[in-house]
Amino acid sequence: MVRAIRGAIQVDADDRDAIIEATTELVSTLMERNELTTDDVISVLFTATPDLTAEFPALAARKLGFHEVPLICCSEIDVPGALPRVVRLMAHVETDRPRSEIQHVYLRGAVALRQDIAQ
């Protein structure tokens, strides 16, 4: 079955290393919690709030071995009052897990975005 898995993390600063480190944490946690390998991943969409411009979040996934997986980065709408410095992702994966067992991952300050599903 194909499933979509969501996640988000708040980044400490608009700094290349901070973006790579936070995105690495987000992707690694999502993969571990859902018992996935890169072969299970169909594609990943990354978004970043407009205040994050120092690096593409997808670079972190490439460094984790996502060489054959289509990745794309987009800038989010600049909504007044929105949580700053957030990287979000939506991963499309192949898994035998039922929808009820999918683990969506919201980390650091991004937990506030979806307290109903944050792990």
PDB file of N, CA and C in Angstrom:
ATOM      1  N   MET A   1       0.831  -1.182   0.000  1.00  0.00           N
ATOM      2  CA  MET A   1       0.000   0.000   0.000  1.00  0.00           C
ATOM      3  C   MET A   1       0.874   1.244   0.000  1.00  0.00           C
ATOM      4  N   VAL A   2       0.358   2.275  -0.598  1.00  0.00           N
ATOM      5  CA  VAL A   2       1.033   3.561  -0.567  1.00  0.00           C
ATOM      6  C   VAL A   2       0.419   4.403   0.542  1.00  0.00           C
ATOM      7  N   ARG A   3       1.276   4.971   1.361  1.00  0.00           N
ATOM      8  CA  ARG A   3       0.833   5.835   2.460  1.00  0.00           C
ATOM      9  C   ARG A   3       1.608   7.149   2.408  1.00  0.00           C
ATOM     10  N   ALA A   4       0.999   8.196   2.926  1.00  0.00           N
ATOM     11  CA  ALA A   4       1.668   9.486   3.078  1.00  0.00           C
ATOM     12  C   ALA A   4       1.936   9.695   4.561  1.00  0.00           C
ATOM     13  N   ILE A   5       3.151  10.101   4.871  1.00  0.00           N
ATOM     14  CA  ILE A   5       3.540  10.335   6.259  1.00  0.00           C
ATOM     15  C   ILE A   5       3.993  11.784   6.377  1.00  0.00           C
ATOM     16  N   ARG A   6       3.447  12.471   7.377  1.00  0.00           N
ATOM     17  CA  ARG A   6       3.774  13.884   7.590  1.00  0.00           C
ATOM     18  C   ARG A   6       4.766  14.035   8.735  1.00  0.00           C
ATOM     19  N   GLY A   7       5.464  15.170   8.688  1.00  0.00           N
ATOM     20  CA  GLY A   7       6.371  15.485   9.771  1.00  0.00           C
ATOM     21  C   GLY A   7       6.791  16.933   9.709  1.00  0.00           C
ATOM     22  N   ALA A   8       7.307  17.430  10.822  1.00  0.00           N
ATOM     23  CA  ALA A   8       7.811  18.807  10.888  1.00  0.00           C
ATOM     24  C   ALA A   8       8.779  18.932  12.048  1.00  0.00           C
ATOM     25  N   ILE A   9       9.675  19.909  11.908  1.00  0.00           N
ATOM     26  CA  ILE A   9      10.634  20.201  12.971  1.00  0.00           C
ATOM     27  C   ILE A   9      10.936  21.693  12.942  1.00  0.00           C
ATOM     28  N   GLN A  10      11.108  22.272  14.113  1.00  0.00           N
ATOM     29  CA  GLN A  10      11.524  23.665  14.179  1.00  0.00           C
ATOM     30  C   GLN A  10      13.057  23.703  14.217  1.00  0.00           C
ATOM     31  N   VAL A  11      13.634  24.548  13.376  1.00  0.00           N
ATOM     32  CA  VAL A  11      15.080  24.678  13.235  1.00  0.00           C
ATOM     33  C   VAL A  11      15.559  25.798  14.158  1.00  0.00           C
ATOM     34  N   ASP A  12      16.728  25.614  14.745  1.00  0.00           N
ATOM     35  CA  ASP A  12      17.258  26.591  15.697  1.00  0.00           C
ATOM     36  C   ASP A  12      17.565  27.948  15.074  1.00  0.00           C
ATOM     37  N   ALA A  13      18.053  27.950  13.827  1.00  0.00           N
ATOM     38  CA  ALA A  13      18.459  29.210  13.192  1.00  0.00           C
ATOM     39  C   ALA A  13      18.494  29.024  11.682  1.00  0.00           C
ATOM     40  N   ASP A  14      18.451  30.137  10.948  1.00  0.00           N
ATOM     41  CA  ASP A  14      18.605  30.086   9.504  1.00  0.00           C
ATOM     42  C   ASP A  14      20.092  29.967   9.185  1.00  0.00           C
ATOM     43  N   ASP A  15      20.583  28.774   9.401  1.00  0.00           N
ATOM     44  CA  ASP A  15      21.995  28.459   9.246  1.00  0.00           C
ATOM     45  C   ASP A  15      22.075  27.113   8.529  1.00  0.00           C
ATOM     46  N   ARG A  16      22.999  26.996   7.579  1.00  0.00           N
ATOM     47  CA  ARG A  16      23.106  25.773   6.793  1.00  0.00           C
ATOM     48  C   ARG A  16      23.202  24.529   7.672  1.00  0.00           C
ATOM     49  N   ASP A  17      24.113  24.535   8.636  1.00  0.00           N
ATOM     50  CA  ASP A  17      24.303  23.366   9.502  1.00  0.00           C
ATOM     51  C   ASP A  17      23.063  23.077  10.340  1.00  0.00           C
ATOM     52  N   ALA A  18      22.387  24.126  10.820  1.00  0.00           N
ATOM     53  CA  ALA A  18      21.186  23.933  11.636  1.00  0.00           C
ATOM     54  C   ALA A  18      20.063  23.306  10.815  1.00  0.00           C
ATOM     55  N   ILE A  19      19.918  23.725   9.567  1.00  0.00           N
ATOM     56  CA  ILE A  19      18.879  23.163   8.697  1.00  0.00           C
ATOM     57  C   ILE A  19      19.175  21.705   8.382  1.00  0.00           C
ATOM     58  N   ILE A  20      20.428  21.408   8.050  1.00  0.00           N
ATOM     59  CA  ILE A  20      20.818  20.019   7.753  1.00  0.00           C
ATOM     60  C   ILE A  20      20.629  19.137   8.979  1.00  0.00           C
ATOM     61  N   GLU A  21      21.065  19.603  10.142  1.00  0.00           N
ATOM     62  CA  GLU A  21      20.966  18.808  11.370  1.00  0.00           C
ATOM     63  C   GLU A  21      19.509  18.537  11.736  1.00  0.00           C
ATOM     64  N   ALA A  22      18.664  19.550  11.679  1.00  0.00           N
ATOM     65  CA  ALA A  22      17.259  19.377  12.046  1.00  0.00           C
ATOM     66  C   ALA A  22      16.540  18.468  11.047  1.00  0.00           C
ATOM     67  N   THR A  23      16.802  18.662   9.768  1.00  0.00           N
ATOM     68  CA  THR A  23      16.148  17.834   8.754  1.00  0.00           C
ATOM     69  C   THR A  23      16.616  16.389   8.857  1.00  0.00           C
ATOM     70  N   THR A  24      17.882  16.190   9.159  1.00  0.00           N
ATOM     71  CA  THR A  24      18.400  14.835   9.375  1.00  0.00           C
ATOM     72  C   THR A  24      17.665  14.172  10.543  1.00  0.00           C
ATOM     73  N   GLU A  25      17.483  14.903  11.625  1.00  0.00           N
ATOM     74  CA  GLU A  25      16.752  14.372  12.781  1.00  0.00           C
ATOM     75  C   GLU A  25      15.317  14.009  12.399  1.00  0.00           C
ATOM     76  N   LEU A  26      14.661  14.877  11.650  1.00  0.00           N
ATOM     77  CA  LEU A  26      13.276  14.632  11.246  1.00  0.00           C
ATOM     78  C   LEU A  26      13.163  13.400  10.358  1.00  0.00           C
ATOM     79  N   VAL A  27      13.975  13.342   9.314  1.00  0.00           N
ATOM     80  CA  VAL A  27      13.898  12.212   8.380  1.00  0.00           C
ATOM     81  C   VAL A  27      14.281  10.908   9.070  1.00  0.00           C
ATOM     82  N   SER A  28      15.346  10.918   9.856  1.00  0.00           N
ATOM     83  CA  SER A  28      15.789   9.702  10.548  1.00  0.00           C
ATOM     84  C   SER A  28      14.736   9.194  11.519  1.00  0.00           C
ATOM     85  N   THR A  29      14.119  10.099  12.261  1.00  0.00           N
ATOM     86  CA  THR A  29      13.083   9.707  13.223  1.00  0.00           C
ATOM     87  C   THR A  29      11.870   9.127  12.506  1.00  0.00           C
ATOM     88  N   LEU A  30      11.449   9.759  11.419  1.00  0.00           N
ATOM     89  CA  LEU A  30      10.307   9.258  10.649  1.00  0.00           C
ATOM     90  C   LEU A  30      10.593   7.858  10.114  1.00  0.00           C
ATOM     91  N   MET A  31      11.790   7.657   9.586  1.00  0.00           N
ATOM     92  CA  MET A  31      12.157   6.347   9.032  1.00  0.00           C
ATOM     93  C   MET A  31      12.210   5.280  10.125  1.00  0.00           C
ATOM     94  N   GLU A  32      12.800   5.607  11.260  1.00  0.00           N
ATOM     95  CA  GLU A  32      12.914   4.640  12.360  1.00  0.00           C
ATOM     96  C   GLU A  32      11.550   4.277  12.927  1.00  0.00           C
ATOM     97  N   ARG A  33      10.731   5.268  13.216  1.00  0.00           N
ATOM     98  CA  ARG A  33       9.428   5.006  13.840  1.00  0.00           C
ATOM     99  C   ARG A  33       8.496   4.206  12.938  1.00  0.00           C
ATOM    100  N   ASN A  34       8.683   4.334  11.629  1.00  0.00           N
ATOM    101  CA  ASN A  34       7.825   3.622  10.689  1.00  0.00           C
ATOM    102  C   ASN A  34       8.506   2.403  10.076  1.00  0.00           C
ATOM    103  N   GLU A  35       9.686   2.063  10.605  1.00  0.00           N
ATOM    104  CA  GLU A  35      10.452   0.889  10.170  1.00  0.00           C
ATOM    105  C   GLU A  35      10.595   0.844   8.651  1.00  0.00           C
ATOM    106  N   LEU A  36      11.101   1.954   8.091  1.00  0.00           N
ATOM    107  CA  LEU A  36      11.250   2.087   6.651  1.00  0.00           C
ATOM    108  C   LEU A  36      12.715   2.077   6.246  1.00  0.00           C
ATOM    109  N   THR A  37      12.969   1.698   4.993  1.00  0.00           N
ATOM    110  CA  THR A  37      14.271   1.864   4.362  1.00  0.00           C
ATOM    111  C   THR A  37      14.075   2.813   3.188  1.00  0.00           C
ATOM    112  N   THR A  38      15.149   3.290   2.617  1.00  0.00           N
ATOM    113  CA  THR A  38      15.013   4.187   1.469  1.00  0.00           C
ATOM    114  C   THR A  38      14.320   3.506   0.294  1.00  0.00           C
ATOM    115  N   ASP A  39      14.413   2.181   0.195  1.00  0.00           N
ATOM    116  CA  ASP A  39      13.715   1.460  -0.878  1.00  0.00           C
ATOM    117  C   ASP A  39      12.200   1.540  -0.740  1.00  0.00           C
ATOM    118  N   ASP A  40      11.705   1.815   0.456  1.00  0.00           N
ATOM    119  CA  ASP A  40      10.265   1.938   0.688  1.00  0.00           C
ATOM    120  C   ASP A  40       9.728   3.316   0.295  1.00  0.00           C
ATOM    121  N   VAL A  41      10.620   4.285   0.129  1.00  0.00           N
ATOM    122  CA  VAL A  41      10.205   5.672  -0.090  1.00  0.00           C
ATOM    123  C   VAL A  41      10.016   5.944  -1.579  1.00  0.00           C
ATOM    124  N   ILE A  42       8.833   6.448  -1.926  1.00  0.00           N
ATOM    125  CA  ILE A  42       8.509   6.786  -3.313  1.00  0.00           C
ATOM    126  C   ILE A  42       8.997   8.191  -3.639  1.00  0.00           C
ATOM    127  N   SER A  43       8.672   9.161  -2.778  1.00  0.00           N
ATOM    128  CA  SER A  43       9.097  10.546  -2.960  1.00  0.00           C
ATOM    129  C   SER A  43       8.913  11.294  -1.654  1.00  0.00           C
ATOM    130  N   VAL A  44       9.595  12.449  -1.547  1.00  0.00           N
ATOM    131  CA  VAL A  44       9.462  13.282  -0.364  1.00  0.00           C
ATOM    132  C   VAL A  44       9.342  14.739  -0.805  1.00  0.00           C
ATOM    133  N   LEU A  45       8.319  15.410  -0.285  1.00  0.00           N
ATOM    134  CA  LEU A  45       8.136  16.837  -0.491  1.00  0.00           C
ATOM    135  C   LEU A  45       8.554  17.546   0.786  1.00  0.00           C
ATOM    136  N   PHE A  46       9.463  18.493   0.674  1.00  0.00           N
ATOM    137  CA  PHE A  46       9.888  19.307   1.803  1.00  0.00           C
ATOM    138  C   PHE A  46       9.369  20.721   1.616  1.00  0.00           C
ATOM    139  N   THR A  47       8.938  21.348   2.703  1.00  0.00           N
ATOM    140  CA  THR A  47       8.660  22.777   2.678  1.00  0.00           C
ATOM    141  C   THR A  47       9.459  23.420   3.797  1.00  0.00           C
ATOM    142  N   ALA A  48       9.742  24.701   3.595  1.00  0.00           N
ATOM    143  CA  ALA A  48      10.434  25.478   4.622  1.00  0.00           C
ATOM    144  C   ALA A  48       9.731  26.822   4.736  1.00  0.00           C
ATOM    145  N   THR A  49       9.628  27.312   5.948  1.00  0.00           N
ATOM    146  CA  THR A  49       9.047  28.638   6.131  1.00  0.00           C
ATOM    147  C   THR A  49       9.962  29.664   5.448  1.00  0.00           C
ATOM    148  N   PRO A  50       9.403  30.811   5.049  1.00  0.00           N
ATOM    149  CA  PRO A  50      10.180  31.795   4.283  1.00  0.00           C
ATOM    150  C   PRO A  50      11.414  32.337   4.995  1.00  0.00           C
ATOM    151  N   ASP A  51      11.513  32.132   6.305  1.00  0.00           N
ATOM    152  CA  ASP A  51      12.682  32.613   7.042  1.00  0.00           C
ATOM    153  C   ASP A  51      13.850  31.620   7.034  1.00  0.00           C
ATOM    154  N   LEU A  52      13.704  30.495   6.330  1.00  0.00           N
ATOM    155  CA  LEU A  52      14.789  29.518   6.185  1.00  0.00           C
ATOM    156  C   LEU A  52      15.271  29.517   4.736  1.00  0.00           C
ATOM    157  N   THR A  53      16.426  30.110   4.510  1.00  0.00           N
ATOM    158  CA  THR A  53      16.952  30.223   3.148  1.00  0.00           C
ATOM    159  C   THR A  53      18.409  29.778   3.016  1.00  0.00           C
ATOM    160  N   ALA A  54      19.022  29.341   4.087  1.00  0.00           N
ATOM    161  CA  ALA A  54      20.459  29.040   4.076  1.00  0.00           C
ATOM    162  C   ALA A  54      20.799  27.718   3.378  1.00  0.00           C
ATOM    163  N   GLU A  55      19.834  26.799   3.242  1.00  0.00           N
ATOM    164  CA  GLU A  55      20.102  25.515   2.600  1.00  0.00           C
ATOM    165  C   GLU A  55      18.782  24.836   2.241  1.00  0.00           C
ATOM    166  N   PHE A  56      18.849  23.953   1.251  1.00  0.00           N
ATOM    167  CA  PHE A  56      17.701  23.125   0.888  1.00  0.00           C
ATOM    168  C   PHE A  56      17.587  21.969   1.881  1.00  0.00           C
ATOM    169  N   PRO A  57      16.430  21.753   2.500  1.00  0.00           N
ATOM    170  CA  PRO A  57      16.276  20.619   3.419  1.00  0.00           C
ATOM    171  C   PRO A  57      16.538  19.266   2.757  1.00  0.00           C
ATOM    172  N   ALA A  58      16.261  19.155   1.467  1.00  0.00           N
ATOM    173  CA  ALA A  58      16.459  17.881   0.775  1.00  0.00           C
ATOM    174  C   ALA A  58      17.912  17.420   0.805  1.00  0.00           C
ATOM    175  N   LEU A  59      18.843  18.330   0.964  1.00  0.00           N
ATOM    176  CA  LEU A  59      20.257  17.935   1.033  1.00  0.00           C
ATOM    177  C   LEU A  59      20.498  16.954   2.181  1.00  0.00           C
ATOM    178  N   ALA A  60      19.808  17.140   3.286  1.00  0.00           N
ATOM    179  CA  ALA A  60      19.953  16.220   4.423  1.00  0.00           C
ATOM    180  C   ALA A  60      19.517  14.809   4.034  1.00  0.00           C
ATOM    181  N   ALA A  61      18.425  14.708   3.298  1.00  0.00           N
ATOM    182  CA  ALA A  61      17.962  13.390   2.850  1.00  0.00           C
ATOM    183  C   ALA A  61      18.974  12.751   1.902  1.00  0.00           C
ATOM    184  N   ARG A  62      19.542  13.530   1.018  1.00  0.00           N
ATOM    185  CA  ARG A  62      20.573  13.000   0.109  1.00  0.00           C
ATOM    186  C   ARG A  62      21.748  12.450   0.921  1.00  0.00           C
ATOM    187  N   LYS A  63      22.141  13.178   1.956  1.00  0.00           N
ATOM    188  CA  LYS A  63      23.256  12.732   2.790  1.00  0.00           C
ATOM    189  C   LYS A  63      22.915  11.463   3.564  1.00  0.00           C
ATOM    190  N   LEU A  64      21.618  11.189   3.763  1.00  0.00           N
ATOM    191  CA  LEU A  64      21.175   9.970   4.448  1.00  0.00           C
ATOM    192  C   LEU A  64      21.019   8.789   3.489  1.00  0.00           C
ATOM    193  N   GLY A  65      21.285   9.008   2.202  1.00  0.00           N
ATOM    194  CA  GLY A  65      21.208   7.908   1.244  1.00  0.00           C
ATOM    195  C   GLY A  65      20.008   7.922   0.327  1.00  0.00           C
ATOM    196  N   PHE A  66      19.260   8.988   0.295  1.00  0.00           N
ATOM    197  CA  PHE A  66      18.085   9.094  -0.572  1.00  0.00           C
ATOM    198  C   PHE A  66      18.510   9.501  -1.992  1.00  0.00           C
ATOM    199  N   HIS A  67      19.425   8.744  -2.587  1.00  0.00           N
ATOM    200  CA  HIS A  67      19.982   9.096  -3.890  1.00  0.00           C
ATOM    201  C   HIS A  67      19.034   8.797  -5.039  1.00  0.00           C
ATOM    202  N   GLU A  68      18.223   7.768  -4.935  1.00  0.00           N
ATOM    203  CA  GLU A  68      17.306   7.359  -6.005  1.00  0.00           C
ATOM    204  C   GLU A  68      15.879   7.836  -5.773  1.00  0.00           C
ATOM    205  N   VAL A  69      15.653   8.566  -4.700  1.00  0.00           N
ATOM    206  CA  VAL A  69      14.302   9.015  -4.322  1.00  0.00           C
ATOM    207  C   VAL A  69      14.071  10.434  -4.828  1.00  0.00           C
ATOM    208  N   PRO A  70      12.984  10.681  -5.568  1.00  0.00           N
ATOM    209  CA  PRO A  70      12.675  12.050  -5.973  1.00  0.00           C
ATOM    210  C   PRO A  70      12.362  12.913  -4.751  1.00  0.00           C
ATOM    211  N   LEU A  71      13.040  14.060  -4.680  1.00  0.00           N
ATOM    212  CA  LEU A  71      12.864  15.010  -3.584  1.00  0.00           C
ATOM    213  C   LEU A  71      12.586  16.384  -4.180  1.00  0.00           C
ATOM    214  N   ILE A  72      11.793  17.186  -3.489  1.00  0.00           N
ATOM    215  CA  ILE A  72      11.565  18.559  -3.914  1.00  0.00           C
ATOM    216  C   ILE A  72      11.412  19.444  -2.685  1.00  0.00           C
ATOM    217  N   CYS A  73      11.890  20.677  -2.808  1.00  0.00           N
ATOM    218  CA  CYS A  73      11.766  21.663  -1.735  1.00  0.00           C
ATOM    219  C   CYS A  73      10.902  22.818  -2.224  1.00  0.00           C
ATOM    220  N   CYS A  74      10.028  23.289  -1.353  1.00  0.00           N
ATOM    221  CA  CYS A  74       9.153  24.412  -1.664  1.00  0.00           C
ATOM    222  C   CYS A  74       9.173  25.390  -0.500  1.00  0.00           C
ATOM    223  N   SER A  75       8.893  26.637  -0.804  1.00  0.00           N
ATOM    224  CA  SER A  75       8.761  27.646   0.238  1.00  0.00           C
ATOM    225  C   SER A  75       7.298  27.732   0.646  1.00  0.00           C
ATOM    226  N   GLU A  76       7.051  27.829   1.936  1.00  0.00           N
ATOM    227  CA  GLU A  76       5.678  27.937   2.434  1.00  0.00           C
ATOM    228  C   GLU A  76       5.137  29.350   2.270  1.00  0.00           C
ATOM    229  N   ILE A  77       3.845  29.476   2.358  1.00  0.00           N
ATOM    230  CA  ILE A  77       3.190  30.777   2.360  1.00  0.00           C
ATOM    231  C   ILE A  77       3.607  31.519   3.626  1.00  0.00           C
ATOM    232  N   ASP A  78       3.895  32.798   3.491  1.00  0.00           N
ATOM    233  CA  ASP A  78       4.315  33.622   4.622  1.00  0.00           C
ATOM    234  C   ASP A  78       3.077  34.102   5.389  1.00  0.00           C
ATOM    235  N   VAL A  79       2.629  33.295   6.332  1.00  0.00           N
ATOM    236  CA  VAL A  79       1.425  33.587   7.106  1.00  0.00           C
ATOM    237  C   VAL A  79       1.808  34.356   8.374  1.00  0.00           C
ATOM    238  N   PRO A  80       1.243  35.531   8.576  1.00  0.00           N
ATOM    239  CA  PRO A  80       1.555  36.294   9.794  1.00  0.00           C
ATOM    240  C   PRO A  80       1.248  35.479  11.050  1.00  0.00           C
ATOM    241  N   GLY A  81       2.184  35.472  11.970  1.00  0.00           N
ATOM    242  CA  GLY A  81       1.994  34.765  13.236  1.00  0.00           C
ATOM    243  C   GLY A  81       2.289  33.274  13.194  1.00  0.00           C
ATOM    244  N   ALA A  82       2.680  32.752  12.036  1.00  0.00           N
ATOM    245  CA  ALA A  82       2.979  31.321  11.933  1.00  0.00           C
ATOM    246  C   ALA A  82       4.258  30.990  12.695  1.00  0.00           C
ATOM    247  N   LEU A  83       4.379  29.746  13.112  1.00  0.00           N
ATOM    248  CA  LEU A  83       5.577  29.279  13.798  1.00  0.00           C
ATOM    249  C   LEU A  83       6.791  29.484  12.893  1.00  0.00           C
ATOM    250  N   PRO A  84       7.831  30.156  13.377  1.00  0.00           N
ATOM    251  CA  PRO A  84       9.001  30.428  12.531  1.00  0.00           C
ATOM    252  C   PRO A  84       9.942  29.237  12.410  1.00  0.00           C
ATOM    253  N   ARG A  85      10.769  29.287  11.369  1.00  0.00           N
ATOM    254  CA  ARG A  85      11.875  28.344  11.149  1.00  0.00           C
ATOM    255  C   ARG A  85      11.440  26.882  11.187  1.00  0.00           C
ATOM    256  N   VAL A  86      10.456  26.541  10.367  1.00  0.00           N
ATOM    257  CA  VAL A  86       9.937  25.174  10.363  1.00  0.00           C
ATOM    258  C   VAL A  86      10.200  24.503   9.012  1.00  0.00           C
ATOM    259  N   VAL A  87      10.706  23.279   9.077  1.00  0.00           N
ATOM    260  CA  VAL A  87      10.805  22.400   7.916  1.00  0.00           C
ATOM    261  C   VAL A  87       9.714  21.351   8.079  1.00  0.00           C
ATOM    262  N   ARG A  88       8.904  21.194   7.035  1.00  0.00           N
ATOM    263  CA  ARG A  88       7.877  20.155   7.016  1.00  0.00           C
ATOM    264  C   ARG A  88       8.196  19.178   5.897  1.00  0.00           C
ATOM    265  N   LEU A  89       7.651  17.989   6.011  1.00  0.00           N
ATOM    266  CA  LEU A  89       7.782  17.030   4.922  1.00  0.00           C
ATOM    267  C   LEU A  89       6.524  16.196   4.797  1.00  0.00           C
ATOM    268  N   MET A  90       6.337  15.689   3.591  1.00  0.00           N
ATOM    269  CA  MET A  90       5.340  14.653   3.339  1.00  0.00           C
ATOM    270  C   MET A  90       6.048  13.588   2.522  1.00  0.00           C
ATOM    271  N   ALA A  91       6.158  12.408   3.102  1.00  0.00           N
ATOM    272  CA  ALA A  91       6.820  11.282   2.439  1.00  0.00           C
ATOM    273  C   ALA A  91       5.762  10.307   1.942  1.00  0.00           C
ATOM    274  N   HIS A  92       5.878   9.932   0.692  1.00  0.00           N
ATOM    275  CA  HIS A  92       5.016   8.902   0.119  1.00  0.00           C
ATOM    276  C   HIS A  92       5.811   7.607   0.152  1.00  0.00           C
ATOM    277  N   VAL A  93       5.247   6.596   0.808  1.00  0.00           N
ATOM    278  CA  VAL A  93       5.984   5.351   1.033  1.00  0.00           C
ATOM    279  C   VAL A  93       5.132   4.138   0.703  1.00  0.00           C
ATOM    280  N   GLU A  94       5.818   3.032   0.462  1.00  0.00           N
ATOM    281  CA  GLU A  94       5.158   1.744   0.335  1.00  0.00           C
ATOM    282  C   GLU A  94       5.343   1.018   1.659  1.00  0.00           C
ATOM    283  N   THR A  95       4.232   0.562   2.243  1.00  0.00           N
ATOM    284  CA  THR A  95       4.285  -0.117   3.536  1.00  0.00           C
ATOM    285  C   THR A  95       3.079  -1.020   3.691  1.00  0.00           C
ATOM    286  N   ASP A  96       3.236  -2.045   4.500  1.00  0.00           N
ATOM    287  CA  ASP A  96       2.118  -2.925   4.824  1.00  0.00           C
ATOM    288  C   ASP A  96       1.341  -2.427   6.036  1.00  0.00           C
ATOM    289  N   ARG A  97       1.825  -1.369   6.670  1.00  0.00           N
ATOM    290  CA  ARG A  97       1.170  -0.848   7.873  1.00  0.00           C
ATOM    291  C   ARG A  97      -0.198  -0.253   7.529  1.00  0.00           C
ATOM    292  N   PRO A  98      -1.195  -0.544   8.345  1.00  0.00           N
ATOM    293  CA  PRO A  98      -2.470   0.141   8.157  1.00  0.00           C
ATOM    294  C   PRO A  98      -2.331   1.621   8.523  1.00  0.00           C
ATOM    295  N   ARG A  99      -3.192   2.430   7.993  1.00  0.00           N
ATOM    296  CA  ARG A  99      -3.141   3.874   8.240  1.00  0.00           C
ATOM    297  C   ARG A  99      -3.077   4.192   9.732  1.00  0.00           C
ATOM    298  N   SER A 100      -3.774   3.427  10.547  1.00  0.00           N
ATOM    299  CA  SER A 100      -3.814   3.683  11.995  1.00  0.00           C
ATOM    300  C   SER A 100      -2.466   3.457  12.680  1.00  0.00           C
ATOM    301  N   GLU A 101      -1.537   2.758  12.029  1.00  0.00           N
ATOM    302  CA  GLU A 101      -0.229   2.490  12.621  1.00  0.00           C
ATOM    303  C   GLU A 101       0.882   3.381  12.067  1.00  0.00           C
ATOM    304  N   ILE A 102       0.537   4.275  11.165  1.00  0.00           N
ATOM    305  CA  ILE A 102       1.532   5.212  10.632  1.00  0.00           C
ATOM    306  C   ILE A 102       1.891   6.208  11.718  1.00  0.00           C
ATOM    307  N   GLN A 103       3.181   6.453  11.887  1.00  0.00           N
ATOM    308  CA  GLN A 103       3.675   7.377  12.913  1.00  0.00           C
ATOM    309  C   GLN A 103       4.089   8.690  12.253  1.00  0.00           C
ATOM    310  N   HIS A 104       3.255   9.717  12.372  1.00  0.00           N
ATOM    311  CA  HIS A 104       3.610  11.048  11.912  1.00  0.00           C
ATOM    312  C   HIS A 104       4.540  11.654  12.970  1.00  0.00           C
ATOM    313  N   VAL A 105       5.517  12.465  12.526  1.00  0.00           N
ATOM    314  CA  VAL A 105       6.579  12.906  13.420  1.00  0.00           C
ATOM    315  C   VAL A 105       6.638  14.432  13.469  1.00  0.00           C
ATOM    316  N   TYR A 106       6.394  14.992  14.636  1.00  0.00           N
ATOM    317  CA  TYR A 106       6.499  16.434  14.874  1.00  0.00           C
ATOM    318  C   TYR A 106       7.463  16.624  16.038  1.00  0.00           C
ATOM    319  N   LEU A 107       8.553  17.339  15.789  1.00  0.00           N
ATOM    320  CA  LEU A 107       9.635  17.445  16.764  1.00  0.00           C
ATOM    321  C   LEU A 107       9.919  18.885  17.155  1.00  0.00           C
ATOM    322  N   ARG A 108      10.538  19.016  18.322  1.00  0.00           N
ATOM    323  CA  ARG A 108      10.939  20.321  18.866  1.00  0.00           C
ATOM    324  C   ARG A 108       9.707  21.229  18.942  1.00  0.00           C
ATOM    325  N   GLY A 109       9.844  22.489  18.573  1.00  0.00           N
ATOM    326  CA  GLY A 109       8.726  23.427  18.660  1.00  0.00           C
ATOM    327  C   GLY A 109       7.576  23.088  17.731  1.00  0.00           C
ATOM    328  N   ALA A 110       7.834  22.281  16.700  1.00  0.00           N
ATOM    329  CA  ALA A 110       6.791  21.908  15.745  1.00  0.00           C
ATOM    330  C   ALA A 110       5.734  20.989  16.349  1.00  0.00           C
ATOM    331  N   VAL A 111       5.985  20.470  17.537  1.00  0.00           N
ATOM    332  CA  VAL A 111       4.971  19.665  18.231  1.00  0.00           C
ATOM    333  C   VAL A 111       3.678  20.475  18.375  1.00  0.00           C
ATOM    334  N   ALA A 112       3.816  21.777  18.530  1.00  0.00           N
ATOM    335  CA  ALA A 112       2.645  22.647  18.696  1.00  0.00           C
ATOM    336  C   ALA A 112       1.756  22.684  17.459  1.00  0.00           C
ATOM    337  N   LEU A 113       2.285  22.304  16.308  1.00  0.00           N
ATOM    338  CA  LEU A 113       1.502  22.353  15.076  1.00  0.00           C
ATOM    339  C   LEU A 113       0.417  21.288  15.019  1.00  0.00           C
ATOM    340  N   ARG A 114       0.703  20.129  15.566  1.00  0.00           N
ATOM    341  CA  ARG A 114      -0.254  19.020  15.515  1.00  0.00           C
ATOM    342  C   ARG A 114      -0.185  18.208  16.798  1.00  0.00           C
ATOM    343  N   GLN A 115      -0.645  18.784  17.881  1.00  0.00           N
ATOM    344  CA  GLN A 115      -0.597  18.073  19.159  1.00  0.00           C
ATOM    345  C   GLN A 115      -1.469  16.829  19.149  1.00  0.00           C
ATOM    346  N   ASP A 116      -2.427  16.769  18.230  1.00  0.00           N
ATOM    347  CA  ASP A 116      -3.310  15.612  18.160  1.00  0.00           C
ATOM    348  C   ASP A 116      -2.596  14.365  17.624  1.00  0.00           C
ATOM    349  N   ILE A 117      -1.524  14.557  16.826  1.00  0.00           N
ATOM    350  CA  ILE A 117      -0.829  13.398  16.276  1.00  0.00           C
ATOM    351  C   ILE A 117       0.656  13.381  16.572  1.00  0.00           C
ATOM    352  N   ALA A 118       1.168  14.415  17.203  1.00  0.00           N
ATOM    353  CA  ALA A 118       2.612  14.477  17.488  1.00  0.00           C
ATOM    354  C   ALA A 118       3.017  13.343  18.403  1.00  0.00           C
ATOM    355  N   GLN A 119       4.156  12.770  18.097  1.00  0.00           N
ATOM    356  CA  GLN A 119       4.653  11.625  18.874  1.00  0.00           C
ATOM    357  C   GLN A 119       5.672  12.116  19.883  1.00  0.00           C
TER     358      GLN A 119
END
